[in-house]
């Protein structure tokens, strides 16, 4: 870990920037050597706080602990231990406090942001204060995203808010992905179940035009249908039957767009029981009927 160092900047977003859906208010980096007071004098004034009293901020903030250890407390959690590789999310309006453990110090990045996109994710429970920490580990790409954000923020050229918003979105995606991956690691017989799901996905993809059910796929894998469905849902977030039908619809869309095949021909080719049922599922999933989609393609 380097000697004590803090680099940060505040950013301005105008109305046009806010229409992008995600704007960034601050980006920063700090290292704190062991046994140094926290927050130290170089900490941003607009975010300064007494670790015993905590604080409330008016934005979302992601903080990445590159190395060292620490403690996070929020209104929802009495104490969470932090370690190198942790990415944690602070919600606007939520009381919180955090600090590095004295004998380790820490190296960290942060980015503060707001906008309709993140509000939408919160409303739809992709992110929440119930689970504010994701262990992403030390990743060069995460480190590079924060460093790139710092470079862009300090340059502050035209379009910087849109680039920074994209970086914030990538970091939120990394946060969410890591949390979902950690759920996969709770599998019993993890290696076995992951192999079953991987082989099942391969079989489904390779046999989209065959009249084969998920139950028959499970039989080929020598696993019960209920176990296969459970493994698949936990690993991917959706059922194998949904996966099969969605891929069939995507392939059907390609045929309707790029060939002269009729709706009925495509429906039967991908094992739908009738053109009417195919049309119903196509519109339900893709938002437009196959006949309308085909007409637009021919215009």
C-alpha atoms as a PDB file:
ATOM      1  CA  UNK A   1       0.000   0.000   0.000  1.00  0.00           C
ATOM      2  CA  UNK A   2       1.261   3.496  -0.862  1.00  0.00           C
ATOM      3  CA  UNK A   3       1.633   6.338   1.622  1.00  0.00           C
ATOM      4  CA  UNK A   4      -1.448   8.415   2.413  1.00  0.00           C
ATOM      5  CA  UNK A   5      -2.948   9.844  -0.746  1.00  0.00           C
ATOM      6  CA  UNK A   6      -6.343  11.256  -1.681  1.00  0.00           C
ATOM      7  CA  UNK A   7      -7.511  12.325  -5.124  1.00  0.00           C
ATOM      8  CA  UNK A   8     -11.071  13.329  -5.862  1.00  0.00           C
ATOM      9  CA  UNK A   9     -13.197  15.755  -7.803  1.00  0.00           C
ATOM     10  CA  UNK A  10     -16.760  17.051  -7.753  1.00  0.00           C
ATOM     11  CA  UNK A  11     -18.715  17.187 -10.994  1.00  0.00           C
ATOM     12  CA  UNK A  12     -21.536  19.297 -12.402  1.00  0.00           C
ATOM     13  CA  UNK A  13     -24.445  17.827 -14.373  1.00  0.00           C
ATOM     14  CA  UNK A  14     -26.819  20.029 -16.356  1.00  0.00           C
ATOM     15  CA  UNK A  15     -30.370  19.180 -17.428  1.00  0.00           C
ATOM     16  CA  UNK A  16     -29.155  17.590 -20.643  1.00  0.00           C
ATOM     17  CA  UNK A  17     -26.770  15.335 -18.683  1.00  0.00           C
ATOM     18  CA  UNK A  18     -29.603  14.250 -16.392  1.00  0.00           C
ATOM     19  CA  UNK A  19     -31.670  13.194 -19.378  1.00  0.00           C
ATOM     20  CA  UNK A  20     -29.019  10.530 -20.018  1.00  0.00           C
ATOM     21  CA  UNK A  21     -30.412   8.700 -16.993  1.00  0.00           C
ATOM     22  CA  UNK A  22     -27.310   8.472 -14.819  1.00  0.00           C
ATOM     23  CA  UNK A  23     -25.023  11.352 -13.813  1.00  0.00           C
ATOM     24  CA  UNK A  24     -21.969  11.333 -11.581  1.00  0.00           C
ATOM     25  CA  UNK A  25     -21.378  13.811  -8.760  1.00  0.00           C
ATOM     26  CA  UNK A  26     -17.975  12.731  -7.495  1.00  0.00           C
ATOM     27  CA  UNK A  27     -15.144  10.298  -8.176  1.00  0.00           C
ATOM     28  CA  UNK A  28     -12.260   9.645  -5.808  1.00  0.00           C
ATOM     29  CA  UNK A  29      -9.386   7.513  -4.622  1.00  0.00           C
ATOM     30  CA  UNK A  30      -7.627   7.259  -1.282  1.00  0.00           C
ATOM     31  CA  UNK A  31      -4.970   5.270   0.503  1.00  0.00           C
ATOM     32  CA  UNK A  32      -4.673   5.341   4.258  1.00  0.00           C
ATOM     33  CA  UNK A  33      -1.658   3.831   5.992  1.00  0.00           C
ATOM     34  CA  UNK A  34      -2.108   1.760   9.153  1.00  0.00           C
ATOM     35  CA  UNK A  35      -2.768   3.718  12.368  1.00  0.00           C
ATOM     36  CA  UNK A  36      -3.603   6.954  10.528  1.00  0.00           C
ATOM     37  CA  UNK A  37      -6.652   8.921  11.665  1.00  0.00           C
ATOM     38  CA  UNK A  38      -9.783   8.470   9.528  1.00  0.00           C
ATOM     39  CA  UNK A  39     -11.165  10.473   7.859  1.00  0.00           C
ATOM     40  CA  UNK A  40      -7.816  12.158   7.349  1.00  0.00           C
ATOM     41  CA  UNK A  41      -7.455  15.856   6.409  1.00  0.00           C
ATOM     42  CA  UNK A  42      -7.465  15.141   2.678  1.00  0.00           C
ATOM     43  CA  UNK A  43     -10.962  13.608   2.787  1.00  0.00           C
ATOM     44  CA  UNK A  44     -13.467  15.528   0.595  1.00  0.00           C
ATOM     45  CA  UNK A  45     -15.106  18.317   2.607  1.00  0.00           C
ATOM     46  CA  UNK A  46     -18.515  17.701   1.096  1.00  0.00           C
ATOM     47  CA  UNK A  47     -18.407  14.096   2.367  1.00  0.00           C
ATOM     48  CA  UNK A  48     -16.568  14.603   5.647  1.00  0.00           C
ATOM     49  CA  UNK A  49     -18.043  12.902   8.685  1.00  0.00           C
ATOM     50  CA  UNK A  50     -17.375  11.775  12.235  1.00  0.00           C
ATOM     51  CA  UNK A  51     -17.198   7.973  12.138  1.00  0.00           C
ATOM     52  CA  UNK A  52     -18.916   7.799  15.521  1.00  0.00           C
ATOM     53  CA  UNK A  53     -21.870   9.935  14.419  1.00  0.00           C
ATOM     54  CA  UNK A  54     -22.099   8.734  10.823  1.00  0.00           C
ATOM     55  CA  UNK A  55     -23.721  10.687   8.022  1.00  0.00           C
ATOM     56  CA  UNK A  56     -26.479  10.764   5.401  1.00  0.00           C
ATOM     57  CA  UNK A  57     -25.779  11.655   1.755  1.00  0.00           C
ATOM     58  CA  UNK A  58     -28.140  12.613  -1.062  1.00  0.00           C
ATOM     59  CA  UNK A  59     -26.774  10.267  -3.753  1.00  0.00           C
ATOM     60  CA  UNK A  60     -25.901   6.653  -4.384  1.00  0.00           C
ATOM     61  CA  UNK A  61     -22.277   5.829  -3.772  1.00  0.00           C
ATOM     62  CA  UNK A  62     -20.215   2.757  -4.619  1.00  0.00           C
ATOM     63  CA  UNK A  63     -16.960   2.278  -2.740  1.00  0.00           C
ATOM     64  CA  UNK A  64     -14.380  -0.352  -3.702  1.00  0.00           C
ATOM     65  CA  UNK A  65     -11.893  -1.605  -1.123  1.00  0.00           C
ATOM     66  CA  UNK A  66      -8.809  -2.536  -3.118  1.00  0.00           C
ATOM     67  CA  UNK A  67      -6.826  -3.676  -0.081  1.00  0.00           C
ATOM     68  CA  UNK A  68      -7.010  -3.522   3.693  1.00  0.00           C
ATOM     69  CA  UNK A  69      -9.974  -4.186   5.962  1.00  0.00           C
ATOM     70  CA  UNK A  70     -12.723  -2.109   7.531  1.00  0.00           C
ATOM     71  CA  UNK A  71     -16.149  -1.854   9.112  1.00  0.00           C
ATOM     72  CA  UNK A  72     -19.452  -0.682   7.597  1.00  0.00           C
ATOM     73  CA  UNK A  73     -22.519   0.223   9.660  1.00  0.00           C
ATOM     74  CA  UNK A  74     -25.855   1.355   8.224  1.00  0.00           C
ATOM     75  CA  UNK A  75     -29.375   1.954   9.466  1.00  0.00           C
ATOM     76  CA  UNK A  76     -30.155  -1.595   8.297  1.00  0.00           C
ATOM     77  CA  UNK A  77     -27.005  -3.352   9.526  1.00  0.00           C
ATOM     78  CA  UNK A  78     -25.306  -3.027  12.889  1.00  0.00           C
ATOM     79  CA  UNK A  79     -21.867  -4.069  11.581  1.00  0.00           C
ATOM     80  CA  UNK A  80     -20.447  -5.567   8.405  1.00  0.00           C
ATOM     81  CA  UNK A  81     -16.785  -6.509   8.136  1.00  0.00           C
ATOM     82  CA  UNK A  82     -15.107  -5.288   4.951  1.00  0.00           C
ATOM     83  CA  UNK A  83     -12.080  -6.775   3.209  1.00  0.00           C
ATOM     84  CA  UNK A  84     -10.038  -6.156   0.103  1.00  0.00           C
ATOM     85  CA  UNK A  85     -12.142  -6.890  -2.955  1.00  0.00           C
ATOM     86  CA  UNK A  86     -15.415  -5.707  -1.404  1.00  0.00           C
ATOM     87  CA  UNK A  87     -17.650  -3.308  -3.324  1.00  0.00           C
ATOM     88  CA  UNK A  88     -20.323  -1.688  -1.170  1.00  0.00           C
ATOM     89  CA  UNK A  89     -23.314   0.477  -1.990  1.00  0.00           C
ATOM     90  CA  UNK A  90     -24.557   3.426   0.065  1.00  0.00           C
ATOM     91  CA  UNK A  91     -28.147   4.554  -0.498  1.00  0.00           C
ATOM     92  CA  UNK A  92     -29.272   8.204  -0.498  1.00  0.00           C
ATOM     93  CA  UNK A  93     -30.999   9.198   2.706  1.00  0.00           C
ATOM     94  CA  UNK A  94     -29.687   6.189   4.645  1.00  0.00           C
ATOM     95  CA  UNK A  95     -27.612   6.731   7.765  1.00  0.00           C
ATOM     96  CA  UNK A  96     -24.237   5.000   7.579  1.00  0.00           C
ATOM     97  CA  UNK A  97     -20.645   5.096   8.746  1.00  0.00           C
ATOM     98  CA  UNK A  98     -17.513   3.182   7.771  1.00  0.00           C
ATOM     99  CA  UNK A  99     -13.820   3.201   8.517  1.00  0.00           C
ATOM    100  CA  UNK A 100     -10.636   1.175   7.916  1.00  0.00           C
ATOM    101  CA  UNK A 101      -9.379  -1.126  10.654  1.00  0.00           C
ATOM    102  CA  UNK A 102      -6.577   0.725  12.365  1.00  0.00           C
ATOM    103  CA  UNK A 103      -3.779  -1.811  11.907  1.00  0.00           C
ATOM    104  CA  UNK A 104      -4.467  -2.394   8.181  1.00  0.00           C
ATOM    105  CA  UNK A 105      -5.540   0.959   6.746  1.00  0.00           C
ATOM    106  CA  UNK A 106      -6.989   0.627   3.246  1.00  0.00           C
ATOM    107  CA  UNK A 107      -6.796   1.586  -0.392  1.00  0.00           C
ATOM    108  CA  UNK A 108     -10.132   2.458  -1.969  1.00  0.00           C
ATOM    109  CA  UNK A 109     -12.016   4.121  -4.815  1.00  0.00           C
ATOM    110  CA  UNK A 110     -15.485   5.641  -4.808  1.00  0.00           C
ATOM    111  CA  UNK A 111     -18.011   7.019  -7.265  1.00  0.00           C
ATOM    112  CA  UNK A 112     -21.182   8.956  -6.366  1.00  0.00           C
ATOM    113  CA  UNK A 113     -24.112   9.122  -8.794  1.00  0.00           C
ATOM    114  CA  UNK A 114     -27.869   9.567  -9.230  1.00  0.00           C
ATOM    115  CA  UNK A 115     -30.524   9.293 -11.917  1.00  0.00           C
ATOM    116  CA  UNK A 116     -33.589   7.532 -13.264  1.00  0.00           C
ATOM    117  CA  UNK A 117     -31.686   4.374 -14.223  1.00  0.00           C
ATOM    118  CA  UNK A 118     -30.453   3.590 -10.708  1.00  0.00           C
ATOM    119  CA  UNK A 119     -33.854   4.558  -9.267  1.00  0.00           C
ATOM    120  CA  UNK A 120     -35.444   2.020 -11.626  1.00  0.00           C
ATOM    121  CA  UNK A 121     -33.057  -0.716 -10.452  1.00  0.00           C
ATOM    122  CA  UNK A 122     -33.857   0.021  -6.817  1.00  0.00           C
ATOM    123  CA  UNK A 123     -37.617   0.103  -7.453  1.00  0.00           C
ATOM    124  CA  UNK A 124     -37.383  -3.312  -9.136  1.00  0.00           C
ATOM    125  CA  UNK A 125     -35.230  -4.829  -6.366  1.00  0.00           C
ATOM    126  CA  UNK A 126     -32.069  -5.384  -8.369  1.00  0.00           C
ATOM    127  CA  UNK A 127     -30.196  -3.486  -5.653  1.00  0.00           C
ATOM    128  CA  UNK A 128     -31.224  -2.746  -2.076  1.00  0.00           C
ATOM    129  CA  UNK A 129     -29.975  -1.673   1.337  1.00  0.00           C
ATOM    130  CA  UNK A 130     -30.723  -5.204   2.584  1.00  0.00           C
ATOM    131  CA  UNK A 131     -27.591  -6.508   0.867  1.00  0.00           C
ATOM    132  CA  UNK A 132     -25.123  -3.608   0.530  1.00  0.00           C
ATOM    133  CA  UNK A 133     -21.860  -5.530   0.015  1.00  0.00           C
ATOM    134  CA  UNK A 134     -20.635  -7.661  -2.886  1.00  0.00           C
ATOM    135  CA  UNK A 135     -17.262  -9.379  -2.818  1.00  0.00           C
ATOM    136  CA  UNK A 136     -15.993  -8.936  -6.379  1.00  0.00           C
ATOM    137  CA  UNK A 137     -12.404  -9.729  -5.397  1.00  0.00           C
ATOM    138  CA  UNK A 138      -9.395  -7.877  -6.731  1.00  0.00           C
ATOM    139  CA  UNK A 139     -10.116  -7.440 -10.449  1.00  0.00           C
ATOM    140  CA  UNK A 140      -7.956  -5.494 -12.859  1.00  0.00           C
ATOM    141  CA  UNK A 141     -11.054  -4.507 -14.846  1.00  0.00           C
ATOM    142  CA  UNK A 142     -12.796  -3.023 -11.786  1.00  0.00           C
ATOM    143  CA  UNK A 143      -9.644  -1.159 -10.827  1.00  0.00           C
ATOM    144  CA  UNK A 144      -9.355   0.079 -14.430  1.00  0.00           C
ATOM    145  CA  UNK A 145     -12.968   1.301 -14.486  1.00  0.00           C
ATOM    146  CA  UNK A 146     -12.418   3.448 -11.404  1.00  0.00           C
ATOM    147  CA  UNK A 147      -9.094   4.753 -12.732  1.00  0.00           C
ATOM    148  CA  UNK A 148     -10.703   5.537 -16.091  1.00  0.00           C
ATOM    149  CA  UNK A 149     -13.492   7.383 -14.263  1.00  0.00           C
ATOM    150  CA  UNK A 150     -10.891   9.482 -12.425  1.00  0.00           C
ATOM    151  CA  UNK A 151      -9.093  10.338 -15.665  1.00  0.00           C
ATOM    152  CA  UNK A 152     -12.338  11.369 -17.383  1.00  0.00           C
ATOM    153  CA  UNK A 153     -13.578  13.329 -14.366  1.00  0.00           C
ATOM    154  CA  UNK A 154     -10.372  15.351 -14.070  1.00  0.00           C
ATOM    155  CA  UNK A 155     -10.283  16.078 -17.812  1.00  0.00           C
ATOM    156  CA  UNK A 156     -13.978  17.130 -17.705  1.00  0.00           C
ATOM    157  CA  UNK A 157     -14.335  17.302 -21.485  1.00  0.00           C
ATOM    158  CA  UNK A 158     -17.627  17.498 -23.365  1.00  0.00           C
ATOM    159  CA  UNK A 159     -19.548  14.246 -22.978  1.00  0.00           C
ATOM    160  CA  UNK A 160     -17.749  13.311 -19.760  1.00  0.00           C
ATOM    161  CA  UNK A 161     -20.999  12.813 -17.856  1.00  0.00           C
ATOM    162  CA  UNK A 162     -22.230  10.263 -20.376  1.00  0.00           C
ATOM    163  CA  UNK A 163     -18.954   8.320 -20.159  1.00  0.00           C
ATOM    164  CA  UNK A 164     -18.989   8.459 -16.374  1.00  0.00           C
ATOM    165  CA  UNK A 165     -22.629   7.360 -16.298  1.00  0.00           C
ATOM    166  CA  UNK A 166     -21.678   4.339 -18.398  1.00  0.00           C
ATOM    167  CA  UNK A 167     -18.841   3.484 -16.010  1.00  0.00           C
ATOM    168  CA  UNK A 168     -21.160   3.791 -12.999  1.00  0.00           C
ATOM    169  CA  UNK A 169     -23.606   1.459 -14.764  1.00  0.00           C
ATOM    170  CA  UNK A 170     -20.824  -1.072 -15.417  1.00  0.00           C
ATOM    171  CA  UNK A 171     -19.783  -0.962 -11.766  1.00  0.00           C
ATOM    172  CA  UNK A 172     -23.383  -1.471 -10.611  1.00  0.00           C
ATOM    173  CA  UNK A 173     -23.631  -4.414 -13.004  1.00  0.00           C
ATOM    174  CA  UNK A 174     -20.420  -5.864 -11.545  1.00  0.00           C
ATOM    175  CA  UNK A 175     -21.894  -5.424  -8.075  1.00  0.00           C
ATOM    176  CA  UNK A 176     -25.138  -7.192  -9.033  1.00  0.00           C
ATOM    177  CA  UNK A 177     -23.364  -9.954 -10.962  1.00  0.00           C
ATOM    178  CA  UNK A 178     -21.067 -10.710  -8.024  1.00  0.00           C
ATOM    179  CA  UNK A 179     -24.009 -10.930  -5.649  1.00  0.00           C
ATOM    180  CA  UNK A 180     -25.807 -13.347  -7.958  1.00  0.00           C
ATOM    181  CA  UNK A 181     -22.642 -15.417  -8.401  1.00  0.00           C
ATOM    182  CA  UNK A 182     -22.305 -15.712  -4.646  1.00  0.00           C
ATOM    183  CA  UNK A 183     -25.784 -17.223  -4.568  1.00  0.00           C
ATOM    184  CA  UNK A 184     -24.644 -19.865  -7.054  1.00  0.00           C
ATOM    185  CA  UNK A 185     -21.815 -20.790  -4.689  1.00  0.00           C
ATOM    186  CA  UNK A 186     -24.382 -21.812  -2.101  1.00  0.00           C
ATOM    187  CA  UNK A 187     -25.251 -24.856  -4.234  1.00  0.00           C
ATOM    188  CA  UNK A 188     -24.741 -28.233  -2.672  1.00  0.00           C
ATOM    189  CA  UNK A 189     -22.453 -30.265  -4.951  1.00  0.00           C
ATOM    190  CA  UNK A 190     -21.716 -27.033  -6.816  1.00  0.00           C
ATOM    191  CA  UNK A 191     -19.405 -28.487  -9.480  1.00  0.00           C
ATOM    192  CA  UNK A 192     -21.910 -31.224 -10.282  1.00  0.00           C
ATOM    193  CA  UNK A 193     -24.867 -28.851 -10.564  1.00  0.00           C
ATOM    194  CA  UNK A 194     -22.976 -26.294 -12.673  1.00  0.00           C
ATOM    195  CA  UNK A 195     -21.857 -29.032 -15.056  1.00  0.00           C
ATOM    196  CA  UNK A 196     -25.446 -30.280 -15.349  1.00  0.00           C
ATOM    197  CA  UNK A 197     -26.692 -26.762 -16.196  1.00  0.00           C
ATOM    198  CA  UNK A 198     -23.900 -26.137 -18.712  1.00  0.00           C
ATOM    199  CA  UNK A 199     -24.539 -29.421 -20.507  1.00  0.00           C
ATOM    200  CA  UNK A 200     -28.306 -28.826 -20.385  1.00  0.00           C
ATOM    201  CA  UNK A 201     -27.921 -25.407 -22.009  1.00  0.00           C
ATOM    202  CA  UNK A 202     -25.763 -26.945 -24.750  1.00  0.00           C
ATOM    203  CA  UNK A 203     -28.350 -29.647 -25.472  1.00  0.00           C
ATOM    204  CA  UNK A 204     -31.210 -27.135 -25.559  1.00  0.00           C
ATOM    205  CA  UNK A 205     -29.338 -24.754 -27.885  1.00  0.00           C
ATOM    206  CA  UNK A 206     -28.321 -27.514 -30.293  1.00  0.00           C
ATOM    207  CA  UNK A 207     -31.833 -29.003 -30.573  1.00  0.00           C
ATOM    208  CA  UNK A 208     -34.152 -26.034 -30.925  1.00  0.00           C
ATOM    209  CA  UNK A 209     -35.765 -27.465 -34.049  1.00  0.00           C
ATOM    210  CA  UNK A 210     -36.319 -30.916 -32.539  1.00  0.00           C
ATOM    211  CA  UNK A 211     -39.461 -32.088 -30.798  1.00  0.00           C
ATOM    212  CA  UNK A 212     -37.761 -32.604 -27.458  1.00  0.00           C
ATOM    213  CA  UNK A 213     -39.052 -31.658 -24.018  1.00  0.00           C
ATOM    214  CA  UNK A 214     -37.129 -30.452 -20.987  1.00  0.00           C
ATOM    215  CA  UNK A 215     -38.076 -33.707 -19.264  1.00  0.00           C
ATOM    216  CA  UNK A 216     -36.314 -35.626 -22.054  1.00  0.00           C
ATOM    217  CA  UNK A 217     -33.289 -33.353 -21.779  1.00  0.00           C
ATOM    218  CA  UNK A 218     -33.152 -34.159 -18.050  1.00  0.00           C
ATOM    219  CA  UNK A 219     -33.356 -37.887 -18.819  1.00  0.00           C
ATOM    220  CA  UNK A 220     -30.385 -37.607 -21.183  1.00  0.00           C
ATOM    221  CA  UNK A 221     -28.461 -35.875 -18.409  1.00  0.00           C
ATOM    222  CA  UNK A 222     -29.440 -38.693 -16.022  1.00  0.00           C
ATOM    223  CA  UNK A 223     -30.977 -36.323 -13.516  1.00  0.00           C
ATOM    224  CA  UNK A 224     -34.576 -35.893 -12.390  1.00  0.00           C
ATOM    225  CA  UNK A 225     -36.610 -33.140 -14.030  1.00  0.00           C
ATOM    226  CA  UNK A 226     -37.215 -31.440 -10.659  1.00  0.00           C
ATOM    227  CA  UNK A 227     -33.475 -31.398  -9.852  1.00  0.00           C
ATOM    228  CA  UNK A 228     -32.549 -30.138 -13.318  1.00  0.00           C
ATOM    229  CA  UNK A 229     -35.140 -27.372 -13.117  1.00  0.00           C
ATOM    230  CA  UNK A 230     -33.942 -26.390  -9.627  1.00  0.00           C
ATOM    231  CA  UNK A 231     -30.271 -26.277 -10.666  1.00  0.00           C
ATOM    232  CA  UNK A 232     -31.092 -24.354 -13.852  1.00  0.00           C
ATOM    233  CA  UNK A 233     -33.277 -21.762 -12.106  1.00  0.00           C
ATOM    234  CA  UNK A 234     -30.730 -21.128  -9.363  1.00  0.00           C
ATOM    235  CA  UNK A 235     -27.848 -20.793 -11.799  1.00  0.00           C
ATOM    236  CA  UNK A 236     -29.516 -18.666 -14.497  1.00  0.00           C
ATOM    237  CA  UNK A 237     -32.542 -17.055 -12.832  1.00  0.00           C
ATOM    238  CA  UNK A 238     -35.091 -18.642 -15.178  1.00  0.00           C
ATOM    239  CA  UNK A 239     -36.536 -22.078 -15.906  1.00  0.00           C
ATOM    240  CA  UNK A 240     -35.142 -24.368 -18.635  1.00  0.00           C
ATOM    241  CA  UNK A 241     -38.492 -24.317 -20.459  1.00  0.00           C
ATOM    242  CA  UNK A 242     -38.420 -20.499 -20.591  1.00  0.00           C
ATOM    243  CA  UNK A 243     -34.817 -20.668 -21.849  1.00  0.00           C
ATOM    244  CA  UNK A 244     -35.780 -23.133 -24.575  1.00  0.00           C
ATOM    245  CA  UNK A 245     -38.807 -21.155 -25.724  1.00  0.00           C
ATOM    246  CA  UNK A 246     -37.034 -17.801 -25.651  1.00  0.00           C
ATOM    247  CA  UNK A 247     -34.202 -19.134 -27.836  1.00  0.00           C
ATOM    248  CA  UNK A 248     -36.743 -20.623 -30.244  1.00  0.00           C
ATOM    249  CA  UNK A 249     -38.465 -17.254 -30.492  1.00  0.00           C
ATOM    250  CA  UNK A 250     -35.165 -15.493 -31.130  1.00  0.00           C
ATOM    251  CA  UNK A 251     -34.323 -17.960 -33.903  1.00  0.00           C
ATOM    252  CA  UNK A 252     -37.844 -17.573 -35.306  1.00  0.00           C
ATOM    253  CA  UNK A 253     -37.367 -13.805 -35.368  1.00  0.00           C
ATOM    254  CA  UNK A 254     -34.167 -14.224 -37.376  1.00  0.00           C
ATOM    255  CA  UNK A 255     -35.957 -16.402 -39.925  1.00  0.00           C
ATOM    256  CA  UNK A 256     -38.876 -13.984 -40.258  1.00  0.00           C
ATOM    257  CA  UNK A 257     -36.446 -11.110 -40.702  1.00  0.00           C
ATOM    258  CA  UNK A 258     -34.028 -12.697 -43.125  1.00  0.00           C
ATOM    259  CA  UNK A 259     -35.990 -15.274 -45.154  1.00  0.00           C
ATOM    260  CA  UNK A 260     -39.310 -15.590 -46.950  1.00  0.00           C
ATOM    261  CA  UNK A 261     -40.565 -18.318 -44.589  1.00  0.00           C
ATOM    262  CA  UNK A 262     -44.203 -17.915 -43.555  1.00  0.00           C
ATOM    263  CA  UNK A 263     -45.342 -17.500 -39.968  1.00  0.00           C
ATOM    264  CA  UNK A 264     -46.853 -20.996 -40.054  1.00  0.00           C
ATOM    265  CA  UNK A 265     -43.653 -22.544 -41.433  1.00  0.00           C
ATOM    266  CA  UNK A 266     -41.576 -20.923 -38.701  1.00  0.00           C
ATOM    267  CA  UNK A 267     -44.049 -21.926 -35.986  1.00  0.00           C
ATOM    268  CA  UNK A 268     -43.925 -25.615 -36.903  1.00  0.00           C
ATOM    269  CA  UNK A 269     -40.187 -25.555 -37.545  1.00  0.00           C
ATOM    270  CA  UNK A 270     -39.579 -24.571 -33.926  1.00  0.00           C
ATOM    271  CA  UNK A 271     -42.087 -27.037 -32.488  1.00  0.00           C
ATOM    272  CA  UNK A 272     -44.926 -24.689 -31.506  1.00  0.00           C
ATOM    273  CA  UNK A 273     -48.237 -26.577 -31.366  1.00  0.00           C
ATOM    274  CA  UNK A 274     -49.932 -24.124 -33.742  1.00  0.00           C
ATOM    275  CA  UNK A 275     -49.317 -20.818 -35.569  1.00  0.00           C
ATOM    276  CA  UNK A 276     -51.817 -19.155 -33.226  1.00  0.00           C
ATOM    277  CA  UNK A 277     -49.913 -20.244 -30.112  1.00  0.00           C
ATOM    278  CA  UNK A 278     -46.651 -19.211 -31.735  1.00  0.00           C
ATOM    279  CA  UNK A 279     -48.124 -15.763 -32.476  1.00  0.00           C
ATOM    280  CA  UNK A 280     -49.368 -15.445 -28.903  1.00  0.00           C
ATOM    281  CA  UNK A 281     -45.980 -16.308 -27.380  1.00  0.00           C
ATOM    282  CA  UNK A 282     -44.057 -14.192 -29.921  1.00  0.00           C
ATOM    283  CA  UNK A 283     -46.085 -11.086 -29.082  1.00  0.00           C
ATOM    284  CA  UNK A 284     -45.985 -11.780 -25.332  1.00  0.00           C
ATOM    285  CA  UNK A 285     -42.188 -12.028 -25.259  1.00  0.00           C
ATOM    286  CA  UNK A 286     -41.107  -9.716 -28.107  1.00  0.00           C
ATOM    287  CA  UNK A 287     -43.897  -7.135 -27.956  1.00  0.00           C
ATOM    288  CA  UNK A 288     -45.178  -7.446 -31.550  1.00  0.00           C
ATOM    289  CA  UNK A 289     -46.974 -10.166 -33.490  1.00  0.00           C
ATOM    290  CA  UNK A 290     -44.874 -12.204 -35.961  1.00  0.00           C
ATOM    291  CA  UNK A 291     -47.044 -11.112 -38.903  1.00  0.00           C
ATOM    292  CA  UNK A 292     -46.596  -7.442 -37.986  1.00  0.00           C
ATOM    293  CA  UNK A 293     -42.869  -8.006 -37.480  1.00  0.00           C
ATOM    294  CA  UNK A 294     -42.605  -9.643 -40.905  1.00  0.00           C
ATOM    295  CA  UNK A 295     -44.566  -6.833 -42.617  1.00  0.00           C
ATOM    296  CA  UNK A 296     -42.240  -4.216 -41.116  1.00  0.00           C
ATOM    297  CA  UNK A 297     -39.270  -6.189 -42.394  1.00  0.00           C
ATOM    298  CA  UNK A 298     -40.712  -6.150 -45.922  1.00  0.00           C
ATOM    299  CA  UNK A 299     -41.488  -2.396 -45.962  1.00  0.00           C
END
